[in-house]
Amino acid sequence: MKILDTTLRDGEQTPGVSLTTESKLLIAKKIDSLGVDIIEAGSAITSEGERASIRKIANEGLNAEICSYCRIKKEDIDAALGCDVDSIHLVVPVSDLHIREK
């Protein structure tokens, strides 16, 4: 069993929450110290600021595998690969609404 922590991406889904690169790095280090296997550092396609944060975390030398959340879209995957992540977390929509609209 492996533990995947989504705090750095999912946590910013909360209204009014926006983390700086420094805050994300501090949180990533704390999560890493807990022995979490995989840290989802964010979604690289979101913005250049998000990519910079993901790159910083990916290059920090943490023990955890660092990944980026990606839709099954070439531009998402390319953005993630440009952030030096160890892996990508591919998310596939399964509802008719998501498939049709997103």
Protein backbone atom coordinates (compact mmCIF):
# COMPACT_ATOMS: atom_id res chain seq x y z
CA MET A 1 0.00 0.00 0.00
CA LYS A 2 1.19 3.53 -0.81
CA ILE A 3 -0.14 6.80 0.53
CA LEU A 4 -0.83 9.62 -1.95
CA ASP A 5 -1.33 13.03 -0.32
CA THR A 6 -3.29 15.63 -2.32
CA THR A 7 -3.13 18.49 0.20
CA LEU A 8 -1.15 20.84 -2.06
CA ARG A 9 -3.64 20.58 -4.91
CA ASP A 10 -6.91 19.74 -3.20
CA GLY A 11 -6.29 22.15 -0.33
CA GLU A 12 -6.37 25.08 -2.72
CA GLN A 13 -9.85 24.02 -3.86
CA THR A 14 -11.14 25.55 -0.61
CA PRO A 15 -12.65 29.01 -1.22
CA GLY A 16 -10.24 31.77 -0.20
CA VAL A 17 -7.19 29.50 0.04
CA SER A 18 -4.19 30.37 -2.12
CA LEU A 19 -0.74 29.14 -1.09
CA THR A 20 2.58 30.76 -1.96
CA THR A 21 5.47 28.71 -3.29
CA GLU A 22 7.19 29.06 0.09
CA SER A 23 4.08 27.82 1.94
CA LYS A 24 3.69 24.88 -0.45
CA LEU A 25 7.33 23.91 0.04
CA LEU A 26 7.00 24.09 3.82
CA ILE A 27 3.86 21.92 3.72
CA ALA A 28 5.55 19.46 1.33
CA LYS A 29 8.49 19.10 3.72
CA LYS A 30 6.11 18.44 6.64
CA ILE A 31 4.16 15.86 4.62
CA ASP A 32 7.44 14.24 3.56
CA SER A 33 8.57 14.03 7.20
CA LEU A 34 5.45 11.96 7.94
CA GLY A 35 6.64 9.29 5.51
CA VAL A 36 4.00 9.83 2.83
CA ASP A 37 4.93 7.92 -0.34
CA ILE A 38 3.61 10.32 -2.99
CA ILE A 39 2.94 14.06 -2.81
CA GLU A 40 0.65 15.52 -5.44
CA ALA A 41 2.33 18.93 -5.69
CA GLY A 42 -0.37 20.54 -7.82
CA SER A 43 -1.77 20.66 -11.33
CA ALA A 44 0.91 22.01 -13.66
CA ILE A 45 -1.55 23.16 -16.31
CA THR A 46 -3.11 25.68 -13.88
CA SER A 47 -0.58 28.53 -14.24
CA GLU A 48 3.10 29.43 -14.49
CA GLY A 49 3.08 30.16 -10.75
CA GLU A 50 1.79 26.66 -10.06
CA ARG A 51 4.46 25.17 -12.33
CA ALA A 52 7.16 27.13 -10.48
CA SER A 53 5.89 25.77 -7.15
CA ILE A 54 5.78 22.20 -8.44
CA ARG A 55 9.31 22.52 -9.87
CA LYS A 56 10.61 23.88 -6.55
CA ILE A 57 9.09 20.95 -4.62
CA ALA A 58 10.25 18.39 -7.21
CA ASN A 59 13.83 19.64 -6.97
CA GLU A 60 13.94 19.85 -3.15
CA GLY A 61 15.29 16.31 -2.73
CA LEU A 62 12.38 15.01 -0.67
CA ASN A 63 12.00 11.29 -0.03
CA ALA A 64 8.44 11.20 -1.38
CA GLU A 65 7.68 10.74 -5.05
CA ILE A 66 6.46 14.08 -6.41
CA CYS A 67 3.61 14.02 -8.92
CA SER A 68 1.39 16.44 -10.79
CA TYR A 69 -2.36 16.03 -11.29
CA CYS A 70 -3.23 15.80 -15.01
CA ARG A 71 -6.29 15.41 -17.11
CA ILE A 72 -5.82 13.01 -20.02
CA LYS A 73 -4.79 15.89 -22.27
CA LYS A 74 -1.46 16.33 -24.02
CA GLU A 75 -1.04 19.91 -22.79
CA ASP A 76 -1.56 18.84 -19.16
CA ILE A 77 0.98 16.03 -19.48
CA ASP A 78 3.52 18.24 -21.27
CA ALA A 79 3.17 20.92 -18.57
CA ALA A 80 3.73 18.32 -15.83
CA LEU A 81 6.75 16.80 -17.55
CA GLY A 82 8.28 20.29 -17.69
CA CYS A 83 8.16 20.47 -13.87
CA ASP A 84 10.69 17.68 -13.15
CA VAL A 85 8.07 15.54 -11.38
CA ASP A 86 8.67 11.85 -10.74
CA SER A 87 5.22 10.88 -12.00
CA ILE A 88 1.87 12.18 -13.13
CA HIS A 89 -1.53 11.45 -11.63
CA LEU A 90 -3.84 10.90 -14.59
CA VAL A 91 -7.50 11.58 -13.90
CA VAL A 92 -10.13 10.27 -16.31
CA PRO A 93 -13.66 11.68 -16.25
CA VAL A 94 -16.32 8.98 -16.24
CA SER A 95 -19.62 10.81 -16.03
CA ASP A 96 -21.41 11.76 -19.25
CA LEU A 97 -21.38 15.41 -18.13
CA HIS A 98 -17.60 15.46 -17.61
CA ILE A 99 -16.92 13.66 -20.86
CA ARG A 100 -19.20 15.99 -22.81
CA GLU A 101 -18.36 19.32 -21.12
CA LYS A 102 -14.84 19.06 -19.73
